[in-house]
């Protein structure tokens, strides 16, 4: 009986010690309360937490990947789209994450959804499609600022999909086609302008050097001969042509008397 009376308290003490010992891994922290009041944040290792007197909450410090559900967004130009995103965040202050908010994961999710709708609603559809990096940076900055009071650090926000209805997709396709046609016409007009400038410069050179025209005649004959053409062209100086067409017809010479 004496051994039993001694062994029971010893076993009870060892059981309480075993229940009190907690292993905290490297990426976790223990937020400990003493009789309901915050006491400390225990770091990784073998930690002692007295049952009944101390309460604890484990907090994971690793980066959490959160899918933000698709949200209906009305852009500034009154286009309705569905946008979803992915949010990357982590706990940097375990004390705030447990004390300042009931469920920091759910609170961050709700904050991300409302911020996604409000921020994208301030921009037009073209900006959502072409300036995603700017949109992501704005979302990350706003969510990070508001969640700072909860001990949360938002590291990145990425919009994944911007879904449009079929009518809007067709309208964007027509707009893109019209833009391509506009650019093609501009390029063609610029080419015509450059060609006309080159022709004008060539005409000025020929006007100052009549011999250049004869060289051009010879070059044209060479090109025609290389093409095996059946037409033979004999270039005549412009002065000769003018003399032929300006010579008076026979019988109509002016009477010298």
C-alpha atoms as a PDB file:
ATOM      1  CA  UNK A   1       0.000   0.000   0.000  1.00  0.00           C
ATOM      2  CA  UNK A   2       2.823   2.401   0.841  1.00  0.00           C
ATOM      3  CA  UNK A   3       4.411   1.864  -2.588  1.00  0.00           C
ATOM      4  CA  UNK A   4       1.083   2.483  -4.296  1.00  0.00           C
ATOM      5  CA  UNK A   5       0.546   5.708  -2.382  1.00  0.00           C
ATOM      6  CA  UNK A   6       4.031   6.906  -3.402  1.00  0.00           C
ATOM      7  CA  UNK A   7       3.862   5.743  -6.994  1.00  0.00           C
ATOM      8  CA  UNK A   8       0.521   7.417  -7.756  1.00  0.00           C
ATOM      9  CA  UNK A   9       1.633  10.997  -7.015  1.00  0.00           C
ATOM     10  CA  UNK A  10       4.866  10.418  -8.928  1.00  0.00           C
ATOM     11  CA  UNK A  11       2.943   9.109 -11.919  1.00  0.00           C
ATOM     12  CA  UNK A  12       0.553  12.045 -11.661  1.00  0.00           C
ATOM     13  CA  UNK A  13       3.450  14.499 -11.648  1.00  0.00           C
ATOM     14  CA  UNK A  14       5.027  12.865 -14.684  1.00  0.00           C
ATOM     15  CA  UNK A  15       1.660  12.897 -16.479  1.00  0.00           C
ATOM     16  CA  UNK A  16       1.214  16.609 -15.786  1.00  0.00           C
ATOM     17  CA  UNK A  17       4.737  17.305 -16.989  1.00  0.00           C
ATOM     18  CA  UNK A  18       4.134  15.292 -20.166  1.00  0.00           C
ATOM     19  CA  UNK A  19       0.923  17.209 -20.807  1.00  0.00           C
ATOM     20  CA  UNK A  20       2.665  20.493 -20.124  1.00  0.00           C
ATOM     21  CA  UNK A  21       5.546  19.962 -22.550  1.00  0.00           C
ATOM     22  CA  UNK A  22       4.881  21.296 -26.039  1.00  0.00           C
ATOM     23  CA  UNK A  23       7.130  20.995 -29.078  1.00  0.00           C
ATOM     24  CA  UNK A  24       7.182  24.143 -31.189  1.00  0.00           C
ATOM     25  CA  UNK A  25       8.599  23.661 -34.685  1.00  0.00           C
ATOM     26  CA  UNK A  26      10.728  26.276 -36.431  1.00  0.00           C
ATOM     27  CA  UNK A  27       7.931  27.880 -38.469  1.00  0.00           C
ATOM     28  CA  UNK A  28       5.498  28.151 -35.514  1.00  0.00           C
ATOM     29  CA  UNK A  29       5.036  30.362 -32.483  1.00  0.00           C
ATOM     30  CA  UNK A  30       3.007  29.759 -29.314  1.00  0.00           C
ATOM     31  CA  UNK A  31       0.889  32.647 -28.065  1.00  0.00           C
ATOM     32  CA  UNK A  32       0.503  31.931 -24.315  1.00  0.00           C
ATOM     33  CA  UNK A  33      -2.145  33.370 -21.975  1.00  0.00           C
ATOM     34  CA  UNK A  34      -1.892  33.200 -18.174  1.00  0.00           C
ATOM     35  CA  UNK A  35      -5.343  33.062 -16.561  1.00  0.00           C
ATOM     36  CA  UNK A  36      -6.812  34.746 -19.622  1.00  0.00           C
ATOM     37  CA  UNK A  37      -4.229  37.525 -19.906  1.00  0.00           C
ATOM     38  CA  UNK A  38      -1.568  37.611 -22.619  1.00  0.00           C
ATOM     39  CA  UNK A  39       1.749  36.447 -21.195  1.00  0.00           C
ATOM     40  CA  UNK A  40       4.296  35.773 -23.927  1.00  0.00           C
ATOM     41  CA  UNK A  41       5.061  34.373 -27.373  1.00  0.00           C
ATOM     42  CA  UNK A  42       7.131  31.200 -27.110  1.00  0.00           C
ATOM     43  CA  UNK A  43       9.735  30.468 -29.778  1.00  0.00           C
ATOM     44  CA  UNK A  44      10.622  27.081 -31.364  1.00  0.00           C
ATOM     45  CA  UNK A  45      11.820  24.281 -29.133  1.00  0.00           C
ATOM     46  CA  UNK A  46      10.516  22.283 -26.143  1.00  0.00           C
ATOM     47  CA  UNK A  47       8.222  24.606 -24.180  1.00  0.00           C
ATOM     48  CA  UNK A  48       6.317  24.231 -20.920  1.00  0.00           C
ATOM     49  CA  UNK A  49       2.640  25.241 -20.800  1.00  0.00           C
ATOM     50  CA  UNK A  50       0.808  24.452 -17.524  1.00  0.00           C
ATOM     51  CA  UNK A  51      -2.644  23.010 -18.263  1.00  0.00           C
ATOM     52  CA  UNK A  52      -5.583  24.859 -16.708  1.00  0.00           C
ATOM     53  CA  UNK A  53      -3.495  27.901 -15.803  1.00  0.00           C
ATOM     54  CA  UNK A  54      -1.966  28.717 -19.152  1.00  0.00           C
ATOM     55  CA  UNK A  55      -3.694  28.581 -22.514  1.00  0.00           C
ATOM     56  CA  UNK A  56      -1.915  28.572 -25.861  1.00  0.00           C
ATOM     57  CA  UNK A  57      -2.609  29.213 -29.545  1.00  0.00           C
ATOM     58  CA  UNK A  58      -0.301  28.006 -32.300  1.00  0.00           C
ATOM     59  CA  UNK A  59       0.444  30.441 -35.131  1.00  0.00           C
ATOM     60  CA  UNK A  60       2.020  29.424 -38.446  1.00  0.00           C
ATOM     61  CA  UNK A  61       4.524  31.954 -39.810  1.00  0.00           C
ATOM     62  CA  UNK A  62       4.851  30.467 -43.302  1.00  0.00           C
ATOM     63  CA  UNK A  63       3.522  32.234 -46.403  1.00  0.00           C
ATOM     64  CA  UNK A  64      -0.142  31.374 -46.975  1.00  0.00           C
ATOM     65  CA  UNK A  65      -1.561  31.131 -50.493  1.00  0.00           C
ATOM     66  CA  UNK A  66      -5.183  32.230 -50.628  1.00  0.00           C
ATOM     67  CA  UNK A  67      -7.517  32.040 -53.632  1.00  0.00           C
ATOM     68  CA  UNK A  68      -9.739  35.094 -53.791  1.00  0.00           C
ATOM     69  CA  UNK A  69     -13.139  33.954 -55.193  1.00  0.00           C
ATOM     70  CA  UNK A  70     -14.394  35.470 -58.445  1.00  0.00           C
ATOM     71  CA  UNK A  71     -15.933  38.893 -57.933  1.00  0.00           C
ATOM     72  CA  UNK A  72     -18.387  40.769 -60.149  1.00  0.00           C
ATOM     73  CA  UNK A  73     -16.761  44.113 -60.884  1.00  0.00           C
ATOM     74  CA  UNK A  74     -18.300  47.080 -62.715  1.00  0.00           C
ATOM     75  CA  UNK A  75     -15.507  49.069 -64.332  1.00  0.00           C
ATOM     76  CA  UNK A  76     -15.461  52.844 -64.591  1.00  0.00           C
ATOM     77  CA  UNK A  77     -16.711  52.603 -68.200  1.00  0.00           C
ATOM     78  CA  UNK A  78     -19.706  50.481 -67.027  1.00  0.00           C
ATOM     79  CA  UNK A  79     -18.475  47.067 -68.190  1.00  0.00           C
ATOM     80  CA  UNK A  80     -19.298  44.095 -65.954  1.00  0.00           C
ATOM     81  CA  UNK A  81     -16.512  41.534 -65.596  1.00  0.00           C
ATOM     82  CA  UNK A  82     -15.690  38.659 -63.264  1.00  0.00           C
ATOM     83  CA  UNK A  83     -12.231  38.820 -61.718  1.00  0.00           C
ATOM     84  CA  UNK A  84     -10.455  36.385 -59.421  1.00  0.00           C
ATOM     85  CA  UNK A  85      -7.040  36.643 -57.833  1.00  0.00           C
ATOM     86  CA  UNK A  86      -4.518  34.900 -55.597  1.00  0.00           C
ATOM     87  CA  UNK A  87      -3.162  36.453 -52.405  1.00  0.00           C
ATOM     88  CA  UNK A  88       0.138  35.680 -50.665  1.00  0.00           C
ATOM     89  CA  UNK A  89       0.500  36.726 -47.030  1.00  0.00           C
ATOM     90  CA  UNK A  90       2.063  35.648 -43.741  1.00  0.00           C
ATOM     91  CA  UNK A  91       1.824  36.424 -40.028  1.00  0.00           C
ATOM     92  CA  UNK A  92       4.611  38.692 -38.795  1.00  0.00           C
ATOM     93  CA  UNK A  93       3.170  39.502 -35.348  1.00  0.00           C
ATOM     94  CA  UNK A  94       1.567  36.424 -33.701  1.00  0.00           C
ATOM     95  CA  UNK A  95       0.305  38.452 -30.749  1.00  0.00           C
ATOM     96  CA  UNK A  96      -1.751  40.803 -32.951  1.00  0.00           C
ATOM     97  CA  UNK A  97      -2.943  37.960 -35.183  1.00  0.00           C
ATOM     98  CA  UNK A  98      -4.544  36.223 -32.180  1.00  0.00           C
ATOM     99  CA  UNK A  99      -5.657  39.184 -30.045  1.00  0.00           C
ATOM    100  CA  UNK A 100      -6.684  41.858 -32.560  1.00  0.00           C
ATOM    101  CA  UNK A 101      -8.886  39.709 -34.822  1.00  0.00           C
ATOM    102  CA  UNK A 102     -11.012  36.610 -34.232  1.00  0.00           C
ATOM    103  CA  UNK A 103      -9.949  34.722 -37.384  1.00  0.00           C
ATOM    104  CA  UNK A 104      -7.151  36.422 -39.287  1.00  0.00           C
ATOM    105  CA  UNK A 105      -7.437  34.049 -42.276  1.00  0.00           C
ATOM    106  CA  UNK A 106     -11.139  34.731 -42.853  1.00  0.00           C
ATOM    107  CA  UNK A 107     -10.686  38.446 -42.154  1.00  0.00           C
ATOM    108  CA  UNK A 108      -7.894  38.694 -44.737  1.00  0.00           C
ATOM    109  CA  UNK A 109     -10.021  36.826 -47.282  1.00  0.00           C
ATOM    110  CA  UNK A 110     -12.988  39.172 -46.834  1.00  0.00           C
ATOM    111  CA  UNK A 111     -10.722  42.210 -46.990  1.00  0.00           C
ATOM    112  CA  UNK A 112      -9.166  40.962 -50.233  1.00  0.00           C
ATOM    113  CA  UNK A 113     -12.578  40.468 -51.852  1.00  0.00           C
ATOM    114  CA  UNK A 114     -13.917  43.914 -50.982  1.00  0.00           C
ATOM    115  CA  UNK A 115     -10.661  45.601 -51.953  1.00  0.00           C
ATOM    116  CA  UNK A 116     -10.616  43.783 -55.296  1.00  0.00           C
ATOM    117  CA  UNK A 117     -14.076  45.126 -56.159  1.00  0.00           C
ATOM    118  CA  UNK A 118     -13.435  48.681 -54.990  1.00  0.00           C
ATOM    119  CA  UNK A 119     -10.009  49.122 -56.591  1.00  0.00           C
ATOM    120  CA  UNK A 120     -10.826  47.605 -59.982  1.00  0.00           C
ATOM    121  CA  UNK A 121     -14.099  49.544 -60.098  1.00  0.00           C
ATOM    122  CA  UNK A 122     -12.057  52.747 -60.290  1.00  0.00           C
ATOM    123  CA  UNK A 123     -10.401  51.715 -63.563  1.00  0.00           C
ATOM    124  CA  UNK A 124     -11.592  51.163 -67.113  1.00  0.00           C
ATOM    125  CA  UNK A 125     -11.631  47.774 -68.804  1.00  0.00           C
ATOM    126  CA  UNK A 126      -8.621  48.569 -71.010  1.00  0.00           C
ATOM    127  CA  UNK A 127      -6.563  49.340 -67.911  1.00  0.00           C
ATOM    128  CA  UNK A 128      -7.549  46.032 -66.280  1.00  0.00           C
ATOM    129  CA  UNK A 129      -6.397  44.135 -69.362  1.00  0.00           C
ATOM    130  CA  UNK A 130      -3.220  46.072 -70.176  1.00  0.00           C
ATOM    131  CA  UNK A 131      -1.967  47.304 -66.780  1.00  0.00           C
ATOM    132  CA  UNK A 132      -2.236  44.248 -64.578  1.00  0.00           C
ATOM    133  CA  UNK A 133       1.065  44.881 -62.842  1.00  0.00           C
ATOM    134  CA  UNK A 134      -0.129  48.307 -61.715  1.00  0.00           C
ATOM    135  CA  UNK A 135      -3.451  46.849 -60.546  1.00  0.00           C
ATOM    136  CA  UNK A 136      -1.625  44.119 -58.591  1.00  0.00           C
ATOM    137  CA  UNK A 137       0.645  46.665 -56.928  1.00  0.00           C
ATOM    138  CA  UNK A 138      -2.317  48.853 -55.903  1.00  0.00           C
ATOM    139  CA  UNK A 139      -4.168  45.870 -54.455  1.00  0.00           C
ATOM    140  CA  UNK A 140      -1.124  44.660 -52.547  1.00  0.00           C
ATOM    141  CA  UNK A 141      -0.459  48.093 -51.049  1.00  0.00           C
ATOM    142  CA  UNK A 142      -4.048  48.676 -49.900  1.00  0.00           C
ATOM    143  CA  UNK A 143      -4.604  45.194 -48.423  1.00  0.00           C
ATOM    144  CA  UNK A 144      -1.217  45.241 -46.697  1.00  0.00           C
ATOM    145  CA  UNK A 145      -1.912  48.643 -45.118  1.00  0.00           C
ATOM    146  CA  UNK A 146      -5.318  47.614 -43.745  1.00  0.00           C
ATOM    147  CA  UNK A 147      -4.184  44.202 -42.478  1.00  0.00           C
ATOM    148  CA  UNK A 148      -1.125  45.603 -40.702  1.00  0.00           C
ATOM    149  CA  UNK A 149      -3.180  46.072 -37.526  1.00  0.00           C
ATOM    150  CA  UNK A 150      -3.740  42.287 -37.476  1.00  0.00           C
ATOM    151  CA  UNK A 151      -0.020  41.475 -37.682  1.00  0.00           C
ATOM    152  CA  UNK A 152      -0.390  40.382 -41.329  1.00  0.00           C
ATOM    153  CA  UNK A 153       2.098  41.123 -44.105  1.00  0.00           C
ATOM    154  CA  UNK A 154       0.755  40.840 -47.662  1.00  0.00           C
ATOM    155  CA  UNK A 155       3.685  39.983 -49.911  1.00  0.00           C
ATOM    156  CA  UNK A 156       1.954  39.757 -53.298  1.00  0.00           C
ATOM    157  CA  UNK A 157      -1.398  39.911 -55.087  1.00  0.00           C
ATOM    158  CA  UNK A 158      -1.923  38.534 -58.601  1.00  0.00           C
ATOM    159  CA  UNK A 159      -5.067  38.781 -60.716  1.00  0.00           C
ATOM    160  CA  UNK A 160      -5.545  35.425 -62.437  1.00  0.00           C
ATOM    161  CA  UNK A 161      -8.516  35.836 -64.777  1.00  0.00           C
ATOM    162  CA  UNK A 162     -10.637  38.669 -66.135  1.00  0.00           C
ATOM    163  CA  UNK A 163     -13.709  36.997 -67.655  1.00  0.00           C
ATOM    164  CA  UNK A 164     -15.823  38.876 -70.220  1.00  0.00           C
ATOM    165  CA  UNK A 165     -19.150  38.008 -71.809  1.00  0.00           C
ATOM    166  CA  UNK A 166     -19.297  37.030 -75.494  1.00  0.00           C
ATOM    167  CA  UNK A 167     -20.617  40.407 -76.669  1.00  0.00           C
ATOM    168  CA  UNK A 168     -17.729  42.228 -75.057  1.00  0.00           C
ATOM    169  CA  UNK A 169     -15.212  39.730 -76.506  1.00  0.00           C
ATOM    170  CA  UNK A 170     -16.574  40.374 -80.016  1.00  0.00           C
ATOM    171  CA  UNK A 171     -16.460  44.138 -79.444  1.00  0.00           C
ATOM    172  CA  UNK A 172     -12.829  43.940 -78.328  1.00  0.00           C
ATOM    173  CA  UNK A 173     -11.972  41.804 -81.371  1.00  0.00           C
ATOM    174  CA  UNK A 174     -13.549  44.399 -83.699  1.00  0.00           C
ATOM    175  CA  UNK A 175     -11.690  47.163 -81.909  1.00  0.00           C
ATOM    176  CA  UNK A 176      -8.380  45.304 -82.294  1.00  0.00           C
ATOM    177  CA  UNK A 177      -9.068  44.714 -86.011  1.00  0.00           C
ATOM    178  CA  UNK A 178      -9.883  48.401 -86.545  1.00  0.00           C
ATOM    179  CA  UNK A 179      -6.695  49.349 -84.735  1.00  0.00           C
ATOM    180  CA  UNK A 180      -4.634  47.046 -86.978  1.00  0.00           C
ATOM    181  CA  UNK A 181      -6.227  48.565 -90.088  1.00  0.00           C
ATOM    182  CA  UNK A 182      -5.517  52.049 -88.827  1.00  0.00           C
ATOM    183  CA  UNK A 183      -1.858  51.222 -88.243  1.00  0.00           C
ATOM    184  CA  UNK A 184      -1.594  49.611 -91.696  1.00  0.00           C
ATOM    185  CA  UNK A 185      -2.999  52.724 -93.356  1.00  0.00           C
ATOM    186  CA  UNK A 186      -0.643  54.947 -91.400  1.00  0.00           C
ATOM    187  CA  UNK A 187       2.358  52.813 -92.375  1.00  0.00           C
ATOM    188  CA  UNK A 188       1.245  52.855 -96.040  1.00  0.00           C
ATOM    189  CA  UNK A 189       0.801  56.639 -95.969  1.00  0.00           C
ATOM    190  CA  UNK A 190       4.214  57.103 -94.377  1.00  0.00           C
ATOM    191  CA  UNK A 191       5.737  54.919 -97.093  1.00  0.00           C
ATOM    192  CA  UNK A 192       4.069  57.000 -99.829  1.00  0.00           C
ATOM    193  CA  UNK A 193       5.334  60.187 -98.206  1.00  0.00           C
ATOM    194  CA  UNK A 194       8.905  58.896 -98.008  1.00  0.00           C
ATOM    195  CA  UNK A 195       8.743  57.678-101.626  1.00  0.00           C
ATOM    196  CA  UNK A 196       7.490  61.070-102.831  1.00  0.00           C
ATOM    197  CA  UNK A 197      10.280  62.818-100.943  1.00  0.00           C
ATOM    198  CA  UNK A 198      12.857  60.545-102.559  1.00  0.00           C
ATOM    199  CA  UNK A 199      11.349  61.135-106.027  1.00  0.00           C
ATOM    200  CA  UNK A 200      11.403  64.890-105.466  1.00  0.00           C
ATOM    201  CA  UNK A 201      15.055  64.727-104.420  1.00  0.00           C
ATOM    202  CA  UNK A 202      15.884  62.633-107.502  1.00  0.00           C
ATOM    203  CA  UNK A 203      14.068  65.121-109.759  1.00  0.00           C
ATOM    204  CA  UNK A 204      16.052  67.995-108.273  1.00  0.00           C
ATOM    205  CA  UNK A 205      19.317  66.143-108.912  1.00  0.00           C
ATOM    206  CA  UNK A 206      18.355  65.415-112.545  1.00  0.00           C
ATOM    207  CA  UNK A 207      17.283  69.022-113.077  1.00  0.00           C
ATOM    208  CA  UNK A 208      20.685  70.248-111.940  1.00  0.00           C
ATOM    209  CA  UNK A 209      22.586  67.563-113.909  1.00  0.00           C
ATOM    210  CA  UNK A 210      20.960  66.671-117.307  1.00  0.00           C
ATOM    211  CA  UNK A 211      23.591  63.969-117.820  1.00  0.00           C
ATOM    212  CA  UNK A 212      21.982  62.033-114.975  1.00  0.00           C
ATOM    213  CA  UNK A 213      18.840  61.595-117.074  1.00  0.00           C
ATOM    214  CA  UNK A 214      20.856  59.976-119.873  1.00  0.00           C
ATOM    215  CA  UNK A 215      22.399  57.597-117.333  1.00  0.00           C
ATOM    216  CA  UNK A 216      18.920  56.738-116.136  1.00  0.00           C
ATOM    217  CA  UNK A 217      17.878  55.976-119.728  1.00  0.00           C
ATOM    218  CA  UNK A 218      20.788  53.599-120.089  1.00  0.00           C
ATOM    219  CA  UNK A 219      19.932  51.897-116.796  1.00  0.00           C
ATOM    220  CA  UNK A 220      16.320  51.425-117.956  1.00  0.00           C
ATOM    221  CA  UNK A 221      17.494  49.844-121.231  1.00  0.00           C
ATOM    222  CA  UNK A 222      19.718  47.496-119.273  1.00  0.00           C
ATOM    223  CA  UNK A 223      16.803  46.446-117.068  1.00  0.00           C
ATOM    224  CA  UNK A 224      14.552  45.832-120.085  1.00  0.00           C
ATOM    225  CA  UNK A 225      17.174  43.718-121.833  1.00  0.00           C
ATOM    226  CA  UNK A 226      17.594  41.559-118.719  1.00  0.00           C
ATOM    227  CA  UNK A 227      13.853  40.808-118.709  1.00  0.00           C
ATOM    228  CA  UNK A 228      13.900  39.443-122.317  1.00  0.00           C
ATOM    229  CA  UNK A 229      11.278  41.974-123.346  1.00  0.00           C
ATOM    230  CA  UNK A 230      10.188  42.219-127.034  1.00  0.00           C
ATOM    231  CA  UNK A 231       9.696  45.983-126.867  1.00  0.00           C
ATOM    232  CA  UNK A 232      12.663  48.136-127.767  1.00  0.00           C
ATOM    233  CA  UNK A 233      12.763  51.645-126.363  1.00  0.00           C
ATOM    234  CA  UNK A 234      15.089  54.277-127.761  1.00  0.00           C
ATOM    235  CA  UNK A 235      15.578  57.152-125.378  1.00  0.00           C
ATOM    236  CA  UNK A 236      15.642  60.594-126.949  1.00  0.00           C
ATOM    237  CA  UNK A 237      16.895  63.725-125.316  1.00  0.00           C
ATOM    238  CA  UNK A 238      14.149  66.097-124.242  1.00  0.00           C
ATOM    239  CA  UNK A 239      15.717  68.882-126.353  1.00  0.00           C
ATOM    240  CA  UNK A 240      15.280  66.768-129.500  1.00  0.00           C
ATOM    241  CA  UNK A 241      11.634  66.054-128.703  1.00  0.00           C
ATOM    242  CA  UNK A 242      10.955  69.718-128.093  1.00  0.00           C
ATOM    243  CA  UNK A 243      12.586  70.649-131.439  1.00  0.00           C
ATOM    244  CA  UNK A 244      10.387  68.133-133.308  1.00  0.00           C
ATOM    245  CA  UNK A 245       7.122  69.258-131.810  1.00  0.00           C
ATOM    246  CA  UNK A 246       7.877  72.968-132.042  1.00  0.00           C
ATOM    247  CA  UNK A 247       9.089  72.931-135.694  1.00  0.00           C
ATOM    248  CA  UNK A 248       6.624  74.692-138.073  1.00  0.00           C
ATOM    249  CA  UNK A 249       4.702  72.474-140.496  1.00  0.00           C
ATOM    250  CA  UNK A 250       5.678  72.602-144.266  1.00  0.00           C
ATOM    251  CA  UNK A 251       3.961  75.422-146.159  1.00  0.00           C
ATOM    252  CA  UNK A 252       3.250  77.355-143.008  1.00  0.00           C
ATOM    253  CA  UNK A 253       6.645  78.975-142.583  1.00  0.00           C
ATOM    254  CA  UNK A 254       6.376  82.664-142.091  1.00  0.00           C
ATOM    255  CA  UNK A 255       6.959  84.790-145.151  1.00  0.00           C
ATOM    256  CA  UNK A 256      10.248  86.594-144.571  1.00  0.00           C
ATOM    257  CA  UNK A 257       8.973  89.469-146.705  1.00  0.00           C
END
